């Protein structure tokens, strides 16, 4: 391909990774929090790689680093929850996106309630919630793709608008 077509010769794999990251950063993604409960331990993470998979039956997917603690727990429990984060919940979303945060006490100070089907935390600052049961998990590079059957879907109050991830930052949309 010619340079005019926008294609560049790929010689350095790390260069491709950085160009891929920059390019995908231009794809706005909805911000969610995925949560799971294992015994008395609550784990949660901010996720922008979430998608509707099927309407009949209702199914969704999310992607998680293969070596994340939340991913490990998915081998122990079959249910989890997704909160569709409202723009007003920027601070908890940012906190739960921080790498290296302690596994214990992740939800201290984050207003939430328990999902009746999953037992997982549902953030109060959300446009809606999904409770899910894992259908399958597949490895895809350094992430795992988790597909779940939706057990329940609940609308939250109309709040401050959506929270999206765009150009490496969380941004509120009214």
Protein backbone atom coordinates (compact mmCIF):
# COMPACT_ATOMS: atom_id res chain seq x y z
CA UNK A 1 0.00 0.00 0.00
CA UNK A 2 1.15 3.53 -0.59
CA UNK A 3 1.82 6.05 2.17
CA UNK A 4 -1.11 8.08 0.85
CA UNK A 5 -3.47 5.27 1.86
CA UNK A 6 -2.43 5.72 5.49
CA UNK A 7 -0.72 2.32 5.85
CA UNK A 8 2.72 2.17 7.37
CA UNK A 9 5.21 -0.65 7.17
CA UNK A 10 5.15 -2.62 10.41
CA UNK A 11 8.65 -3.42 11.58
CA UNK A 12 8.50 -2.93 15.35
CA UNK A 13 5.76 -4.86 17.22
CA UNK A 14 5.81 -2.34 20.10
CA UNK A 15 5.30 0.49 17.61
CA UNK A 16 2.21 -1.34 16.32
CA UNK A 17 0.92 -1.71 19.90
CA UNK A 18 1.26 2.03 20.50
CA UNK A 19 -0.38 2.92 17.18
CA UNK A 20 -3.17 0.42 17.91
CA UNK A 21 -3.73 1.95 21.36
CA UNK A 22 -3.83 5.47 19.90
CA UNK A 23 -6.20 4.44 17.12
CA UNK A 24 -8.60 2.52 19.40
CA UNK A 25 -8.54 5.46 21.83
CA UNK A 26 -10.62 7.30 19.26
CA UNK A 27 -13.41 4.76 19.62
CA UNK A 28 -15.66 6.05 22.39
CA UNK A 29 -16.71 3.30 24.77
CA UNK A 30 -19.30 3.21 27.48
CA UNK A 31 -17.93 2.94 31.00
CA UNK A 32 -19.14 0.11 33.19
CA UNK A 33 -18.10 -1.52 36.43
CA UNK A 34 -17.98 -5.31 36.49
CA UNK A 35 -18.28 -6.80 39.97
CA UNK A 36 -18.12 -10.27 41.45
CA UNK A 37 -18.54 -11.58 44.97
CA UNK A 38 -16.60 -14.59 46.23
CA UNK A 39 -17.42 -15.44 49.84
CA UNK A 40 -16.99 -12.14 51.68
CA UNK A 41 -14.64 -10.66 49.06
CA UNK A 42 -15.96 -8.06 46.61
CA UNK A 43 -13.92 -7.44 43.48
CA UNK A 44 -14.76 -4.80 40.91
CA UNK A 45 -13.13 -3.26 37.87
CA UNK A 46 -13.93 -0.53 35.40
CA UNK A 47 -14.49 -1.95 31.93
CA UNK A 48 -15.01 -0.24 28.60
CA UNK A 49 -14.80 -3.44 26.56
CA UNK A 50 -18.42 -4.48 27.14
CA UNK A 51 -20.88 -5.39 24.41
CA UNK A 52 -24.33 -6.81 23.86
CA UNK A 53 -23.97 -10.22 22.21
CA UNK A 54 -27.49 -11.56 21.78
CA UNK A 55 -31.08 -10.56 22.41
CA UNK A 56 -32.53 -14.10 22.51
CA UNK A 57 -31.27 -15.17 24.92
CA UNK A 58 -29.96 -11.89 26.33
CA UNK A 59 -26.16 -12.14 26.51
CA UNK A 60 -23.29 -9.70 27.05
CA UNK A 61 -19.52 -9.87 27.02
CA UNK A 62 -16.69 -8.08 28.72
CA UNK A 63 -12.92 -8.34 28.47
CA UNK A 64 -10.57 -8.62 31.43
CA UNK A 65 -6.79 -8.96 31.73
CA UNK A 66 -5.99 -12.66 31.92
CA UNK A 67 -3.93 -12.20 35.10
CA UNK A 68 -6.42 -9.97 36.94
CA UNK A 69 -7.69 -11.09 40.34
CA UNK A 70 -11.29 -10.62 39.16
CA UNK A 71 -10.56 -13.02 36.30
CA UNK A 72 -9.24 -15.64 38.73
CA UNK A 73 -12.42 -15.41 40.80
CA UNK A 74 -14.55 -16.09 37.71
CA UNK A 75 -13.23 -19.66 37.86
CA UNK A 76 -14.73 -19.98 41.36
CA UNK A 77 -18.13 -18.30 40.91
CA UNK A 78 -20.60 -18.35 38.06
CA UNK A 79 -22.47 -15.07 38.56
CA UNK A 80 -21.37 -11.44 38.28
CA UNK A 81 -22.85 -8.02 37.62
CA UNK A 82 -22.35 -5.00 35.41
CA UNK A 83 -23.23 -1.44 36.40
CA UNK A 84 -23.67 1.01 33.50
CA UNK A 85 -21.95 3.94 35.14
CA UNK A 86 -23.58 7.37 35.23
CA UNK A 87 -21.51 10.50 34.58
CA UNK A 88 -21.92 11.37 38.26
CA UNK A 89 -19.93 8.27 39.26
CA UNK A 90 -16.68 9.42 37.67
CA UNK A 91 -14.64 9.13 40.89
CA UNK A 92 -15.52 5.47 41.63
CA UNK A 93 -15.01 4.57 37.96
CA UNK A 94 -11.54 6.12 37.98
CA UNK A 95 -10.65 4.47 41.28
CA UNK A 96 -11.73 1.02 40.08
CA UNK A 97 -9.68 1.50 36.90
CA UNK A 98 -6.42 2.02 38.80
CA UNK A 99 -3.98 -0.86 38.39
CA UNK A 100 -2.45 -2.30 41.54
CA UNK A 101 -5.29 -1.35 43.88
CA UNK A 102 -5.69 -3.72 46.85
CA UNK A 103 -8.09 -6.64 46.42
CA UNK A 104 -9.62 -6.07 49.86
CA UNK A 105 -11.84 -3.04 50.42
CA UNK A 106 -12.19 -2.02 46.77
CA UNK A 107 -15.73 -0.78 47.34
CA UNK A 108 -15.18 1.12 50.58
CA UNK A 109 -16.78 4.53 50.14
CA UNK A 110 -18.46 3.50 46.87
CA UNK A 111 -22.26 3.60 47.29
CA UNK A 112 -23.65 0.27 46.15
CA UNK A 113 -26.22 -2.39 46.84
CA UNK A 114 -26.24 -6.15 46.28
CA UNK A 115 -27.68 -7.84 43.25
CA UNK A 116 -30.32 -10.31 44.45
CA UNK A 117 -29.27 -12.97 41.90
CA UNK A 118 -25.50 -12.55 41.85
CA UNK A 119 -24.73 -11.13 45.28
CA UNK A 120 -22.31 -8.83 43.44
CA UNK A 121 -22.09 -5.10 44.06
CA UNK A 122 -24.28 -2.87 41.91
CA UNK A 123 -23.09 0.75 41.95
CA UNK A 124 -25.80 3.17 43.05
CA UNK A 125 -24.46 5.73 40.55
CA UNK A 126 -25.57 3.79 37.49
CA UNK A 127 -27.95 4.15 34.57
CA UNK A 128 -28.75 0.44 34.86
CA UNK A 129 -27.57 -2.95 36.03
CA UNK A 130 -27.17 -6.44 34.59
CA UNK A 131 -26.81 -9.61 36.59
CA UNK A 132 -25.24 -12.43 34.61
CA UNK A 133 -24.14 -16.07 34.66
CA UNK A 134 -20.96 -17.04 32.83
CA UNK A 135 -21.63 -18.95 29.61
CA UNK A 136 -18.00 -19.24 28.50
CA UNK A 137 -14.55 -17.68 28.77
CA UNK A 138 -11.94 -17.66 25.98
CA UNK A 139 -8.41 -16.28 25.90
CA UNK A 140 -7.73 -13.50 23.39
CA UNK A 141 -4.15 -12.25 23.61
CA UNK A 142 -3.46 -10.71 27.03
CA UNK A 143 -7.20 -10.58 27.87
CA UNK A 144 -9.96 -13.10 28.37
CA UNK A 145 -13.37 -12.63 26.79
CA UNK A 146 -16.17 -13.45 29.23
CA UNK A 147 -19.62 -14.08 27.78
CA UNK A 148 -22.57 -14.26 30.12
CA UNK A 149 -26.27 -14.95 29.98
CA UNK A 150 -28.22 -12.01 31.41
CA UNK A 151 -30.30 -13.16 34.38
CA UNK A 152 -31.83 -9.75 35.05
CA UNK A 153 -31.67 -6.23 33.60
CA UNK A 154 -32.78 -3.22 35.62
CA UNK A 155 -32.99 0.45 34.66
CA UNK A 156 -31.56 2.93 37.12
CA UNK A 157 -32.74 6.49 37.61
CA UNK A 158 -32.12 8.90 34.76
CA UNK A 159 -29.08 10.70 36.07
CA UNK A 160 -26.36 12.98 34.86
CA UNK A 161 -25.85 11.22 31.55
CA UNK A 162 -23.49 8.57 30.28
CA UNK A 163 -19.84 8.20 31.20
CA UNK A 164 -17.64 7.33 28.22
CA UNK A 165 -13.97 6.59 27.69
CA UNK A 166 -12.50 8.61 24.83
CA UNK A 167 -8.91 9.58 24.00
CA UNK A 168 -7.63 7.96 27.19
CA UNK A 169 -9.99 9.83 29.55
CA UNK A 170 -13.37 9.38 31.13
CA UNK A 171 -15.86 12.02 29.99
CA UNK A 172 -19.43 12.72 30.96
CA UNK A 173 -22.12 13.09 28.29
CA UNK A 174 -25.33 14.89 29.13
